[in-house]
N, C-alpha and C. Protein backbone atom coordinates (compact mmCIF):
# COMPACT_ATOMS: atom_id res chain seq x y z
N MET A 1 77.90 134.15 88.97
CA MET A 1 79.23 134.37 89.53
C MET A 1 79.92 135.48 88.74
N ALA A 2 80.33 136.53 89.44
CA ALA A 2 81.00 137.65 88.79
C ALA A 2 82.35 137.22 88.23
N VAL A 3 82.81 137.94 87.19
CA VAL A 3 84.09 137.61 86.58
C VAL A 3 85.22 137.70 87.60
N ALA A 4 85.15 138.71 88.47
CA ALA A 4 86.19 138.89 89.50
C ALA A 4 86.25 137.68 90.42
N ASP A 5 85.08 137.14 90.78
CA ASP A 5 85.03 135.95 91.64
C ASP A 5 85.66 134.76 90.93
N LEU A 6 85.36 134.60 89.65
CA LEU A 6 85.89 133.47 88.89
C LEU A 6 87.42 133.57 88.77
N GLU A 7 87.91 134.78 88.57
CA GLU A 7 89.36 134.97 88.49
C GLU A 7 90.02 134.66 89.83
N LYS A 8 89.35 135.01 90.91
CA LYS A 8 89.89 134.73 92.24
C LYS A 8 89.95 133.22 92.48
N ILE A 9 88.90 132.52 92.09
CA ILE A 9 88.87 131.06 92.24
C ILE A 9 89.96 130.43 91.38
N LYS A 10 90.13 130.94 90.17
CA LYS A 10 91.20 130.44 89.30
C LYS A 10 92.56 130.65 89.95
N TYR A 11 92.74 131.79 90.62
CA TYR A 11 94.00 132.08 91.30
C TYR A 11 94.25 131.05 92.40
N TYR A 12 93.23 130.79 93.22
CA TYR A 12 93.40 129.83 94.32
C TYR A 12 93.72 128.43 93.80
N LEU A 13 92.98 127.98 92.80
CA LEU A 13 93.17 126.62 92.30
C LEU A 13 94.45 126.47 91.48
N SER A 14 94.90 127.54 90.87
CA SER A 14 96.16 127.50 90.12
C SER A 14 97.36 127.44 91.06
N ASN A 15 97.16 127.92 92.29
CA ASN A 15 98.25 127.94 93.28
C ASN A 15 97.98 126.98 94.43
N LEU A 16 97.33 125.89 94.11
CA LEU A 16 96.96 124.91 95.12
C LEU A 16 98.15 124.00 95.41
N ASN A 17 98.99 124.41 96.35
CA ASN A 17 100.20 123.63 96.64
C ASN A 17 100.40 123.34 98.12
N SER A 18 99.36 123.60 98.92
CA SER A 18 99.47 123.32 100.36
C SER A 18 98.08 123.27 100.97
N LEU A 19 97.99 122.69 102.14
CA LEU A 19 96.71 122.63 102.85
C LEU A 19 96.23 124.04 103.19
N ARG A 20 97.15 124.90 103.51
CA ARG A 20 96.78 126.28 103.83
C ARG A 20 96.10 126.96 102.64
N ASN A 21 96.66 126.76 101.44
CA ASN A 21 96.05 127.35 100.25
C ASN A 21 94.67 126.75 99.97
N LEU A 22 94.53 125.47 100.25
CA LEU A 22 93.24 124.82 100.08
C LEU A 22 92.22 125.42 101.05
N ARG A 23 92.64 125.63 102.29
CA ARG A 23 91.74 126.25 103.28
C ARG A 23 91.37 127.67 102.85
N ASP A 24 92.31 128.40 102.27
CA ASP A 24 92.03 129.76 101.79
C ASP A 24 90.95 129.73 100.71
N PHE A 25 91.06 128.76 99.80
CA PHE A 25 90.05 128.63 98.75
C PHE A 25 88.67 128.35 99.36
N LEU A 26 88.61 127.42 100.29
CA LEU A 26 87.33 127.06 100.92
C LEU A 26 86.74 128.23 101.70
N ALA A 27 87.60 128.99 102.34
CA ALA A 27 87.13 130.18 103.07
C ALA A 27 86.55 131.20 102.09
N TYR A 28 87.19 131.34 100.93
CA TYR A 28 86.72 132.30 99.94
C TYR A 28 85.32 131.94 99.43
N VAL A 29 85.06 130.64 99.27
CA VAL A 29 83.74 130.23 98.79
C VAL A 29 82.75 130.01 99.93
N GLY A 30 83.13 130.46 101.13
CA GLY A 30 82.16 130.56 102.22
C GLY A 30 82.08 129.43 103.22
N TYR A 31 83.08 128.54 103.23
CA TYR A 31 83.03 127.40 104.16
C TYR A 31 83.90 127.70 105.39
N ARG A 32 83.38 127.43 106.56
CA ARG A 32 84.08 127.80 107.78
C ARG A 32 85.11 126.74 108.18
N TYR A 33 86.11 127.22 108.88
CA TYR A 33 87.26 126.40 109.30
C TYR A 33 86.85 125.32 110.29
N VAL A 34 87.33 124.10 110.04
CA VAL A 34 87.17 122.98 110.96
C VAL A 34 88.48 122.21 110.93
N ASN A 35 88.84 121.57 112.00
CA ASN A 35 90.05 120.75 112.02
C ASN A 35 89.78 119.51 112.88
N GLN A 36 89.16 118.52 112.27
CA GLN A 36 88.73 117.34 113.00
C GLN A 36 89.21 116.07 112.29
N GLU A 37 90.01 115.29 112.98
CA GLU A 37 90.50 114.04 112.40
C GLU A 37 89.36 113.02 112.30
N ILE A 38 89.31 112.34 111.19
CA ILE A 38 88.29 111.31 110.97
C ILE A 38 88.98 109.95 110.95
N LEU A 39 88.56 109.07 111.84
CA LEU A 39 89.15 107.73 111.92
C LEU A 39 88.26 106.73 111.20
N ILE A 40 88.88 105.76 110.54
CA ILE A 40 88.13 104.71 109.85
C ILE A 40 88.58 103.35 110.38
N SER A 41 87.68 102.40 110.28
CA SER A 41 87.95 101.07 110.83
C SER A 41 88.61 100.16 109.81
N ASP A 42 89.78 100.58 109.36
CA ASP A 42 90.55 99.77 108.42
C ASP A 42 92.02 100.09 108.67
N GLU A 43 92.69 99.22 109.37
CA GLU A 43 94.06 99.50 109.80
C GLU A 43 95.00 99.64 108.62
N ASP A 44 94.89 98.78 107.62
CA ASP A 44 95.78 98.85 106.45
C ASP A 44 95.57 100.14 105.66
N LEU A 45 94.30 100.51 105.48
CA LEU A 45 93.99 101.73 104.74
C LEU A 45 94.44 102.97 105.51
N SER A 46 94.31 102.93 106.81
CA SER A 46 94.71 104.06 107.66
C SER A 46 96.21 104.34 107.58
N LYS A 47 96.99 103.31 107.25
CA LYS A 47 98.44 103.50 107.12
C LYS A 47 98.79 104.26 105.84
N GLN A 48 97.88 104.23 104.86
CA GLN A 48 98.14 104.86 103.57
C GLN A 48 97.65 106.30 103.50
N ILE A 49 96.67 106.63 104.34
CA ILE A 49 96.02 107.94 104.21
C ILE A 49 95.72 108.55 105.58
N SER A 50 95.44 109.84 105.57
CA SER A 50 94.89 110.51 106.74
C SER A 50 93.68 111.31 106.28
N ILE A 51 92.66 111.39 107.12
CA ILE A 51 91.43 112.09 106.75
C ILE A 51 91.14 113.16 107.80
N ILE A 52 90.92 114.37 107.32
CA ILE A 52 90.58 115.48 108.20
C ILE A 52 89.34 116.19 107.67
N LYS A 53 88.42 116.46 108.56
CA LYS A 53 87.31 117.35 108.20
C LYS A 53 87.87 118.76 108.32
N ILE A 54 88.05 119.45 107.19
CA ILE A 54 88.75 120.73 107.22
C ILE A 54 87.82 121.94 107.10
N ALA A 55 86.57 121.70 106.74
CA ALA A 55 85.64 122.82 106.59
C ALA A 55 84.21 122.30 106.58
N GLU A 56 83.26 123.22 106.71
CA GLU A 56 81.85 122.88 106.62
C GLU A 56 81.06 124.13 106.26
N SER A 57 79.89 123.94 105.71
CA SER A 57 79.06 125.09 105.36
C SER A 57 78.46 125.68 106.64
N PRO A 58 78.33 127.01 106.70
CA PRO A 58 77.76 127.65 107.88
C PRO A 58 76.23 127.65 107.84
N THR A 59 75.65 126.47 107.70
CA THR A 59 74.20 126.35 107.54
C THR A 59 73.59 125.60 108.71
N ASP A 60 72.25 125.51 108.71
CA ASP A 60 71.54 124.84 109.80
C ASP A 60 72.08 123.43 110.03
N LEU A 61 72.18 122.66 108.97
CA LEU A 61 72.82 121.35 109.00
C LEU A 61 74.05 121.48 108.12
N SER A 62 75.23 121.31 108.69
CA SER A 62 76.45 121.63 107.94
C SER A 62 76.76 120.60 106.86
N PHE A 63 77.28 121.09 105.75
CA PHE A 63 77.74 120.24 104.65
C PHE A 63 79.24 120.11 104.79
N PRO A 64 79.76 118.90 105.07
CA PRO A 64 81.18 118.74 105.40
C PRO A 64 82.11 118.70 104.19
N VAL A 65 83.34 119.14 104.44
CA VAL A 65 84.41 119.04 103.45
C VAL A 65 85.53 118.22 104.08
N LEU A 66 85.89 117.11 103.44
CA LEU A 66 86.92 116.21 103.96
C LEU A 66 88.18 116.29 103.10
N PHE A 67 89.31 116.30 103.76
CA PHE A 67 90.59 116.30 103.05
C PHE A 67 91.28 114.96 103.32
N VAL A 68 91.59 114.26 102.24
CA VAL A 68 92.26 112.96 102.33
C VAL A 68 93.65 113.11 101.74
N GLN A 69 94.65 112.97 102.59
CA GLN A 69 96.03 113.02 102.11
C GLN A 69 96.58 111.61 102.02
N ALA A 70 97.05 111.25 100.84
CA ALA A 70 97.53 109.89 100.61
C ALA A 70 99.03 109.89 100.34
N ASP A 71 99.64 108.76 100.61
CA ASP A 71 101.05 108.58 100.25
C ASP A 71 101.14 108.40 98.74
N LYS A 72 102.04 109.11 98.12
CA LYS A 72 102.19 109.01 96.67
C LYS A 72 102.78 107.65 96.31
N PRO A 73 102.19 106.95 95.35
CA PRO A 73 102.72 105.62 94.99
C PRO A 73 104.14 105.70 94.45
N THR A 74 104.97 104.80 94.92
CA THR A 74 106.38 104.78 94.48
C THR A 74 106.71 103.50 93.71
N ASP A 75 105.68 102.73 93.41
CA ASP A 75 105.90 101.44 92.74
C ASP A 75 105.53 101.47 91.27
N GLY A 76 105.42 102.68 90.71
CA GLY A 76 105.13 102.79 89.28
C GLY A 76 103.66 102.91 88.95
N ARG A 77 102.78 102.81 89.95
CA ARG A 77 101.35 102.94 89.69
C ARG A 77 101.01 104.37 89.27
N ASN A 78 100.04 104.49 88.38
CA ASN A 78 99.60 105.80 87.91
C ASN A 78 98.92 106.55 89.06
N PRO A 79 99.40 107.76 89.42
CA PRO A 79 98.85 108.49 90.57
C PRO A 79 97.35 108.78 90.46
N GLU A 80 96.90 109.12 89.25
CA GLU A 80 95.47 109.42 89.08
C GLU A 80 94.61 108.18 89.31
N ARG A 81 95.03 107.06 88.75
CA ARG A 81 94.28 105.81 88.96
C ARG A 81 94.33 105.38 90.42
N TYR A 82 95.46 105.65 91.05
CA TYR A 82 95.62 105.30 92.47
C TYR A 82 94.59 106.04 93.32
N ILE A 83 94.43 107.34 93.09
CA ILE A 83 93.44 108.11 93.85
C ILE A 83 92.03 107.64 93.53
N ARG A 84 91.77 107.34 92.28
CA ARG A 84 90.44 106.83 91.92
C ARG A 84 90.14 105.53 92.66
N GLY A 85 91.15 104.67 92.79
CA GLY A 85 90.95 103.42 93.50
C GLY A 85 90.70 103.63 94.99
N LEU A 86 91.38 104.63 95.56
CA LEU A 86 91.19 104.93 96.98
C LEU A 86 89.80 105.49 97.27
N THR A 87 89.25 106.21 96.31
CA THR A 87 88.00 106.94 96.54
C THR A 87 86.89 106.03 97.06
N ARG A 88 86.62 104.95 96.34
CA ARG A 88 85.52 104.06 96.75
C ARG A 88 85.84 103.36 98.07
N LYS A 89 87.09 102.95 98.26
CA LYS A 89 87.46 102.27 99.50
C LYS A 89 87.20 103.17 100.71
N ILE A 90 87.62 104.42 100.60
CA ILE A 90 87.45 105.35 101.71
C ILE A 90 85.98 105.70 101.92
N TYR A 91 85.26 105.92 100.82
CA TYR A 91 83.84 106.25 100.92
C TYR A 91 83.08 105.18 101.70
N GLN A 92 83.39 103.92 101.41
CA GLN A 92 82.69 102.82 102.08
C GLN A 92 83.01 102.72 103.56
N LYS A 93 84.14 103.30 103.98
CA LYS A 93 84.53 103.24 105.38
C LYS A 93 84.08 104.48 106.17
N LEU A 94 83.59 105.49 105.47
CA LEU A 94 83.18 106.72 106.16
C LEU A 94 81.88 106.51 106.93
N PRO A 95 81.71 107.22 108.05
CA PRO A 95 80.41 107.22 108.73
C PRO A 95 79.34 107.74 107.77
N HIS A 96 78.12 107.26 107.90
CA HIS A 96 77.07 107.62 106.94
C HIS A 96 76.81 109.13 106.91
N ASN A 97 76.99 109.81 108.04
CA ASN A 97 76.73 111.25 108.06
C ASN A 97 77.80 112.07 107.33
N LEU A 98 78.88 111.42 106.88
CA LEU A 98 79.94 112.12 106.15
C LEU A 98 80.01 111.70 104.68
N ARG A 99 79.12 110.83 104.27
CA ARG A 99 79.19 110.35 102.88
C ARG A 99 78.66 111.37 101.89
N THR A 100 77.71 112.20 102.32
CA THR A 100 77.29 113.31 101.47
C THR A 100 78.19 114.47 101.83
N SER A 101 79.25 114.65 101.07
CA SER A 101 80.27 115.63 101.40
C SER A 101 81.10 115.93 100.17
N LEU A 102 81.96 116.93 100.29
CA LEU A 102 82.98 117.17 99.29
C LEU A 102 84.24 116.50 99.81
N MET A 103 84.77 115.55 99.05
CA MET A 103 86.01 114.88 99.43
C MET A 103 87.13 115.40 98.54
N ILE A 104 88.20 115.84 99.15
CA ILE A 104 89.33 116.37 98.40
C ILE A 104 90.54 115.47 98.66
N PHE A 105 91.04 114.84 97.62
CA PHE A 105 92.17 113.92 97.72
C PHE A 105 93.42 114.60 97.17
N SER A 106 94.55 114.41 97.85
CA SER A 106 95.80 114.92 97.33
C SER A 106 96.98 114.20 97.97
N PHE A 107 98.16 114.46 97.42
CA PHE A 107 99.41 113.98 98.01
C PHE A 107 100.03 115.13 98.80
N SER A 108 101.10 114.85 99.52
CA SER A 108 101.72 115.88 100.36
C SER A 108 102.26 117.04 99.53
N ASP A 109 102.64 116.77 98.27
CA ASP A 109 103.18 117.84 97.42
C ASP A 109 102.11 118.54 96.59
N PHE A 110 100.87 118.10 96.71
CA PHE A 110 99.73 118.68 95.98
C PHE A 110 99.95 118.71 94.47
N SER A 111 100.71 117.74 93.98
CA SER A 111 100.94 117.66 92.53
C SER A 111 99.69 117.22 91.78
N LEU A 112 98.76 116.61 92.50
CA LEU A 112 97.52 116.12 91.90
C LEU A 112 96.43 116.19 92.97
N THR A 113 95.34 116.88 92.67
CA THR A 113 94.26 117.04 93.64
C THR A 113 92.93 116.72 92.99
N HIS A 114 92.15 115.86 93.63
CA HIS A 114 90.83 115.49 93.13
C HIS A 114 89.76 116.09 94.04
N PHE A 115 88.82 116.81 93.46
CA PHE A 115 87.62 117.27 94.17
C PHE A 115 86.51 116.29 93.81
N VAL A 116 86.03 115.54 94.79
CA VAL A 116 85.11 114.43 94.52
C VAL A 116 83.79 114.61 95.25
N TYR A 117 82.71 114.38 94.50
CA TYR A 117 81.36 114.40 95.08
C TYR A 117 80.69 113.09 94.73
N ALA A 118 80.20 112.39 95.73
CA ALA A 118 79.58 111.08 95.51
C ALA A 118 78.08 111.25 95.30
N LYS A 119 77.59 110.79 94.17
CA LYS A 119 76.17 110.87 93.86
C LYS A 119 75.54 109.51 94.10
N GLN A 120 74.63 109.43 95.04
CA GLN A 120 73.99 108.17 95.41
C GLN A 120 72.79 107.92 94.51
N LEU A 121 72.84 106.83 93.75
CA LEU A 121 71.70 106.40 92.96
C LEU A 121 71.00 105.26 93.71
N GLU A 122 70.08 104.58 93.09
CA GLU A 122 69.29 103.57 93.80
C GLU A 122 70.16 102.47 94.41
N ARG A 123 71.01 101.86 93.59
CA ARG A 123 71.80 100.73 94.09
C ARG A 123 73.29 100.92 93.91
N ARG A 124 73.70 102.09 93.53
CA ARG A 124 75.14 102.30 93.33
C ARG A 124 75.50 103.76 93.58
N VAL A 125 76.78 103.99 93.68
CA VAL A 125 77.31 105.32 93.93
C VAL A 125 78.19 105.71 92.75
N ILE A 126 77.97 106.91 92.23
CA ILE A 126 78.80 107.43 91.14
C ILE A 126 79.66 108.56 91.71
N PHE A 127 80.95 108.49 91.43
CA PHE A 127 81.86 109.53 91.91
C PHE A 127 82.15 110.51 90.78
N ARG A 128 81.71 111.73 90.99
CA ARG A 128 81.99 112.79 90.04
C ARG A 128 83.17 113.59 90.56
N ARG A 129 84.06 114.00 89.68
CA ARG A 129 85.27 114.67 90.17
C ARG A 129 85.81 115.70 89.20
N PHE A 130 86.54 116.65 89.77
CA PHE A 130 87.35 117.59 89.00
C PHE A 130 88.78 117.40 89.47
N ILE A 131 89.71 117.39 88.51
CA ILE A 131 91.11 117.12 88.83
C ILE A 131 91.94 118.37 88.59
N ILE A 132 92.68 118.74 89.61
CA ILE A 132 93.60 119.87 89.51
C ILE A 132 95.01 119.28 89.51
N ALA A 133 95.72 119.47 88.41
CA ALA A 133 97.08 118.94 88.29
C ALA A 133 98.00 120.00 87.74
N GLN A 134 99.25 119.88 88.09
CA GLN A 134 100.24 120.83 87.60
C GLN A 134 100.33 120.76 86.08
N ASP A 135 100.42 121.92 85.45
CA ASP A 135 100.57 122.03 83.99
C ASP A 135 99.34 121.60 83.21
N GLU A 136 98.17 121.56 83.84
CA GLU A 136 96.96 121.19 83.12
C GLU A 136 95.94 122.31 83.21
N LYS A 137 95.07 122.39 82.22
CA LYS A 137 94.06 123.45 82.18
C LYS A 137 92.98 123.16 83.24
N ILE A 138 92.50 124.23 83.88
CA ILE A 138 91.54 124.05 84.97
C ILE A 138 90.31 124.94 84.81
N ARG A 139 90.09 125.45 83.61
CA ARG A 139 88.98 126.39 83.43
C ARG A 139 87.63 125.78 83.80
N THR A 140 87.37 124.56 83.32
CA THR A 140 86.08 123.94 83.62
C THR A 140 85.93 123.70 85.12
N ALA A 141 87.00 123.23 85.77
CA ALA A 141 86.95 123.01 87.22
C ALA A 141 86.63 124.31 87.95
N CYS A 142 87.24 125.40 87.54
CA CYS A 142 87.01 126.70 88.17
C CYS A 142 85.55 127.13 88.00
N GLU A 143 85.03 127.01 86.78
CA GLU A 143 83.67 127.43 86.51
C GLU A 143 82.65 126.61 87.30
N ARG A 144 82.90 125.31 87.43
CA ARG A 144 81.94 124.46 88.14
C ARG A 144 82.07 124.59 89.66
N LEU A 145 83.30 124.66 90.17
CA LEU A 145 83.48 124.79 91.61
C LEU A 145 83.04 126.16 92.12
N ALA A 146 82.98 127.13 91.22
CA ALA A 146 82.46 128.45 91.60
C ALA A 146 80.99 128.34 92.03
N LEU A 147 80.31 127.32 91.53
CA LEU A 147 78.88 127.16 91.83
C LEU A 147 78.61 126.73 93.27
N ILE A 148 79.63 126.23 93.98
CA ILE A 148 79.39 125.77 95.36
C ILE A 148 79.54 126.89 96.38
N LYS A 149 79.78 128.11 95.92
CA LYS A 149 79.98 129.23 96.84
C LYS A 149 78.74 129.47 97.68
N VAL A 150 78.96 129.62 98.98
CA VAL A 150 77.86 129.85 99.92
C VAL A 150 77.42 131.31 99.84
N GLU A 151 76.13 131.52 99.70
CA GLU A 151 75.57 132.87 99.68
C GLU A 151 74.76 133.11 100.95
N GLU A 152 74.56 134.37 101.28
CA GLU A 152 73.79 134.71 102.48
C GLU A 152 72.38 134.15 102.37
N GLY A 153 71.95 133.50 103.44
CA GLY A 153 70.60 132.92 103.45
C GLY A 153 70.54 131.48 102.99
N ASP A 154 71.66 130.92 102.52
CA ASP A 154 71.67 129.52 102.08
C ASP A 154 71.39 128.57 103.24
N THR A 155 70.64 127.52 102.95
CA THR A 155 70.40 126.44 103.91
C THR A 155 71.14 125.20 103.41
N TYR A 156 71.09 124.13 104.20
CA TYR A 156 71.73 122.88 103.78
C TYR A 156 71.16 122.42 102.43
N SER A 157 69.86 122.58 102.27
CA SER A 157 69.21 122.17 101.03
C SER A 157 69.77 122.94 99.83
N HIS A 158 70.02 124.24 100.02
CA HIS A 158 70.60 125.05 98.94
C HIS A 158 72.00 124.55 98.59
N ILE A 159 72.80 124.26 99.63
CA ILE A 159 74.17 123.79 99.40
C ILE A 159 74.16 122.46 98.66
N PHE A 160 73.28 121.56 99.08
CA PHE A 160 73.15 120.25 98.43
C PHE A 160 72.83 120.43 96.95
N ASP A 161 71.88 121.31 96.64
CA ASP A 161 71.50 121.56 95.25
C ASP A 161 72.66 122.15 94.45
N LYS A 162 73.47 122.98 95.10
CA LYS A 162 74.62 123.59 94.42
C LYS A 162 75.64 122.52 94.03
N PHE A 163 75.86 121.54 94.92
CA PHE A 163 76.78 120.47 94.59
C PHE A 163 76.22 119.58 93.48
N GLU A 164 74.93 119.34 93.51
CA GLU A 164 74.31 118.55 92.45
C GLU A 164 74.50 119.24 91.09
N GLU A 165 74.36 120.55 91.08
CA GLU A 165 74.53 121.30 89.84
C GLU A 165 75.99 121.36 89.42
N ALA A 166 76.87 121.65 90.37
CA ALA A 166 78.29 121.82 90.05
C ALA A 166 78.89 120.55 89.46
N PHE A 167 78.47 119.40 89.99
CA PHE A 167 79.05 118.13 89.55
C PHE A 167 78.13 117.38 88.58
N ASP A 168 77.21 118.09 87.95
CA ASP A 168 76.29 117.49 86.99
C ASP A 168 77.00 117.32 85.65
N ARG A 169 77.34 116.11 85.33
CA ARG A 169 78.11 115.84 84.11
C ARG A 169 77.32 116.19 82.85
N GLU A 170 76.02 115.98 82.89
CA GLU A 170 75.19 116.28 81.72
C GLU A 170 75.21 117.78 81.43
N ALA A 171 75.15 118.60 82.49
CA ALA A 171 75.19 120.04 82.30
C ALA A 171 76.52 120.47 81.71
N ILE A 172 77.60 119.82 82.17
CA ILE A 172 78.94 120.14 81.66
C ILE A 172 79.02 119.78 80.18
N SER A 173 78.47 118.61 79.83
CA SER A 173 78.49 118.18 78.42
C SER A 173 77.67 119.12 77.54
N ASP A 174 76.49 119.53 78.03
CA ASP A 174 75.65 120.45 77.26
C ASP A 174 76.38 121.77 77.02
N GLU A 175 77.04 122.27 78.05
CA GLU A 175 77.77 123.53 77.92
C GLU A 175 78.90 123.39 76.91
N PHE A 176 79.61 122.27 76.97
CA PHE A 176 80.71 122.05 76.04
C PHE A 176 80.21 122.02 74.60
N PHE A 177 79.13 121.28 74.35
CA PHE A 177 78.67 121.13 72.97
C PHE A 177 78.05 122.41 72.42
N LYS A 178 77.52 123.26 73.29
CA LYS A 178 77.04 124.57 72.84
C LYS A 178 78.20 125.41 72.35
N LYS A 179 79.31 125.40 73.12
CA LYS A 179 80.50 126.15 72.72
C LYS A 179 81.13 125.53 71.47
N TYR A 180 81.12 124.19 71.42
CA TYR A 180 81.66 123.47 70.26
C TYR A 180 80.89 123.86 69.00
N GLN A 181 79.57 123.84 69.10
CA GLN A 181 78.72 124.16 67.95
C GLN A 181 78.95 125.60 67.47
N LYS A 182 79.03 126.53 68.42
CA LYS A 182 79.25 127.93 68.08
C LYS A 182 80.58 128.12 67.34
N THR A 183 81.63 127.47 67.87
CA THR A 183 82.96 127.58 67.26
C THR A 183 82.96 126.92 65.87
N PHE A 184 82.34 125.74 65.79
CA PHE A 184 82.32 124.97 64.54
C PHE A 184 81.69 125.80 63.42
N PHE A 185 80.51 126.35 63.64
CA PHE A 185 79.82 127.08 62.58
C PHE A 185 80.49 128.42 62.27
N SER A 186 81.15 128.99 63.26
CA SER A 186 81.88 130.23 63.02
C SER A 186 83.04 129.99 62.05
N ILE A 187 83.78 128.89 62.28
CA ILE A 187 84.91 128.57 61.39
C ILE A 187 84.39 128.11 60.02
N ARG A 188 83.30 127.35 60.02
CA ARG A 188 82.74 126.89 58.73
C ARG A 188 82.34 128.07 57.85
N ASP A 189 81.76 129.10 58.46
CA ASP A 189 81.35 130.29 57.69
C ASP A 189 82.56 130.98 57.07
N LYS A 190 83.69 130.94 57.78
CA LYS A 190 84.91 131.55 57.23
C LYS A 190 85.46 130.70 56.09
N LEU A 191 85.33 129.36 56.22
CA LEU A 191 85.79 128.49 55.15
C LEU A 191 84.96 128.68 53.88
N LEU A 192 83.68 128.95 54.07
CA LEU A 192 82.79 129.11 52.93
C LEU A 192 83.15 130.33 52.07
N LYS A 193 83.87 131.26 52.67
CA LYS A 193 84.31 132.42 51.90
C LYS A 193 85.42 132.03 50.92
N GLN A 194 86.10 130.90 51.24
CA GLN A 194 87.17 130.41 50.38
C GLN A 194 86.69 129.30 49.46
N ASN A 195 85.74 128.52 49.97
CA ASN A 195 85.21 127.39 49.21
C ASN A 195 83.68 127.43 49.32
N LYS A 196 83.01 127.66 48.22
CA LYS A 196 81.56 127.85 48.24
C LYS A 196 80.77 126.55 48.44
N ASN A 197 81.47 125.41 48.40
CA ASN A 197 80.79 124.13 48.57
C ASN A 197 80.56 123.87 50.05
N ARG A 198 79.33 124.10 50.51
CA ARG A 198 79.01 123.97 51.93
C ARG A 198 79.24 122.56 52.45
N GLU A 199 78.87 121.54 51.66
CA GLU A 199 79.01 120.15 52.09
C GLU A 199 80.48 119.78 52.31
N LYS A 200 81.35 120.19 51.39
CA LYS A 200 82.77 119.88 51.53
C LYS A 200 83.39 120.62 52.71
N ALA A 201 83.01 121.87 52.88
CA ALA A 201 83.54 122.66 54.01
C ALA A 201 83.11 122.05 55.34
N HIS A 202 81.87 121.61 55.40
CA HIS A 202 81.35 121.01 56.63
C HIS A 202 82.07 119.70 56.94
N LEU A 203 82.23 118.85 55.92
CA LEU A 203 82.88 117.55 56.11
C LEU A 203 84.35 117.73 56.50
N TYR A 204 85.04 118.64 55.82
CA TYR A 204 86.45 118.89 56.13
C TYR A 204 86.61 119.32 57.58
N LEU A 205 85.76 120.26 58.02
CA LEU A 205 85.88 120.78 59.38
C LEU A 205 85.51 119.72 60.41
N GLN A 206 84.55 118.89 60.10
CA GLN A 206 84.14 117.82 61.01
C GLN A 206 85.29 116.84 61.23
N ILE A 207 85.95 116.45 60.17
CA ILE A 207 87.10 115.53 60.28
C ILE A 207 88.22 116.19 61.08
N PHE A 208 88.49 117.46 60.79
CA PHE A 208 89.55 118.20 61.49
C PHE A 208 89.26 118.28 62.99
N PHE A 209 88.03 118.64 63.35
CA PHE A 209 87.67 118.76 64.77
C PHE A 209 87.75 117.41 65.47
N ASN A 210 87.31 116.36 64.81
CA ASN A 210 87.37 115.02 65.42
C ASN A 210 88.82 114.62 65.72
N ARG A 211 89.70 114.89 64.77
CA ARG A 211 91.11 114.54 64.96
C ARG A 211 91.74 115.41 66.05
N LEU A 212 91.37 116.68 66.06
CA LEU A 212 91.91 117.59 67.07
C LEU A 212 91.46 117.18 68.48
N MET A 213 90.21 116.78 68.63
CA MET A 213 89.70 116.35 69.94
C MET A 213 90.41 115.08 70.40
N PHE A 214 90.69 114.18 69.46
CA PHE A 214 91.41 112.96 69.82
C PHE A 214 92.82 113.29 70.30
N ILE A 215 93.48 114.21 69.59
CA ILE A 215 94.83 114.62 70.00
C ILE A 215 94.81 115.24 71.39
N TYR A 216 93.81 116.07 71.66
CA TYR A 216 93.72 116.69 72.98
C TYR A 216 93.46 115.64 74.06
N TYR A 217 92.70 114.61 73.70
CA TYR A 217 92.43 113.54 74.67
C TYR A 217 93.71 112.81 75.05
N ILE A 218 94.51 112.40 74.06
CA ILE A 218 95.73 111.66 74.39
C ILE A 218 96.80 112.60 74.97
N GLN A 219 96.69 113.89 74.64
CA GLN A 219 97.59 114.87 75.25
C GLN A 219 97.34 114.95 76.74
N ARG A 220 96.07 114.98 77.13
CA ARG A 220 95.72 115.06 78.54
C ARG A 220 96.17 113.82 79.30
N LYS A 221 96.20 112.69 78.60
CA LYS A 221 96.66 111.45 79.22
C LYS A 221 98.19 111.37 79.30
N ARG A 222 98.85 112.42 78.81
CA ARG A 222 100.32 112.50 78.80
C ARG A 222 100.94 111.44 77.90
N TRP A 223 100.25 111.09 76.82
CA TRP A 223 100.77 110.08 75.90
C TRP A 223 101.55 110.71 74.75
N LEU A 224 101.68 112.03 74.76
CA LEU A 224 102.45 112.72 73.72
C LEU A 224 103.65 113.40 74.38
N LEU A 225 104.73 112.65 74.46
CA LEU A 225 105.97 113.14 75.08
C LEU A 225 105.77 113.61 76.52
N ASN A 226 104.74 113.05 77.18
CA ASN A 226 104.43 113.42 78.57
C ASN A 226 104.16 114.92 78.71
N ASN A 227 103.63 115.51 77.65
CA ASN A 227 103.43 116.96 77.59
C ASN A 227 101.94 117.27 77.48
N THR A 228 101.36 117.87 78.52
CA THR A 228 99.93 118.21 78.49
C THR A 228 99.66 119.46 77.66
N GLU A 229 100.71 120.10 77.15
CA GLU A 229 100.57 121.25 76.25
C GLU A 229 101.21 120.94 74.90
N PHE A 230 101.12 119.68 74.48
CA PHE A 230 101.79 119.23 73.26
C PHE A 230 101.39 120.05 72.04
N VAL A 231 100.07 120.26 71.87
CA VAL A 231 99.58 120.99 70.69
C VAL A 231 100.15 122.41 70.67
N LYS A 232 100.10 123.08 71.80
CA LYS A 232 100.62 124.45 71.88
C LYS A 232 102.13 124.47 71.63
N THR A 233 102.83 123.48 72.17
CA THR A 233 104.28 123.40 71.97
C THR A 233 104.62 123.27 70.48
N MET A 234 103.90 122.37 69.79
CA MET A 234 104.14 122.18 68.36
C MET A 234 103.77 123.44 67.56
N TRP A 235 102.69 124.09 67.99
CA TRP A 235 102.26 125.31 67.30
C TRP A 235 103.33 126.40 67.43
N ASP A 236 103.88 126.54 68.63
CA ASP A 236 104.90 127.56 68.87
C ASP A 236 106.18 127.28 68.09
N ILE A 237 106.50 125.98 67.93
CA ILE A 237 107.73 125.61 67.23
C ILE A 237 107.58 125.82 65.72
N TYR A 238 106.43 125.40 65.18
CA TYR A 238 106.28 125.41 63.72
C TYR A 238 105.40 126.54 63.19
């Protein structure tokens, strides 16, 4: 994926505030326009959500993209957990020919959007997802969703493999730890110029990185003054 393409995808996902913008993103990555309402056999669930097939791959056998718009919870429930809970319920109600698909969940204000791919194992289904939320970093989501772009000559099999790769959690973890390792040893080498004791420098940096990762984890959960940029805010202040 060219840098220009990645920047374009970042632009679309950073400005994801309407169904039209979502359709623009899907068109950019090669999926053709569709507008088909999907009905499910659950009256109570149907009152909470609407499902539209909004795009599909232009391949021999089309790979569908479903948009699920849900009512935002007003009873104090966590919006992210709410969408996670809806995911399995809706998946189980979908026709079998739509279960292998990209499911996109959001509210009417697009304050929180989940890109979900269901991976079918022998006896269970695992839902892999990327979350686009206001004021949160989306670099990983952009890099992985760039992989689903349709190229000339792609077949359904190619598209399926692209989704398997894009939502492969192990690949994401491997990529993260490669970058982590590179950064870790780069900083350690700089510390060694100040302190020649390699063991102490290594231990100090390991403790620092562990604490920093924990802070970033609770920051993402909005447990630090409800600020997803807490570390940057403190850095700018002090």
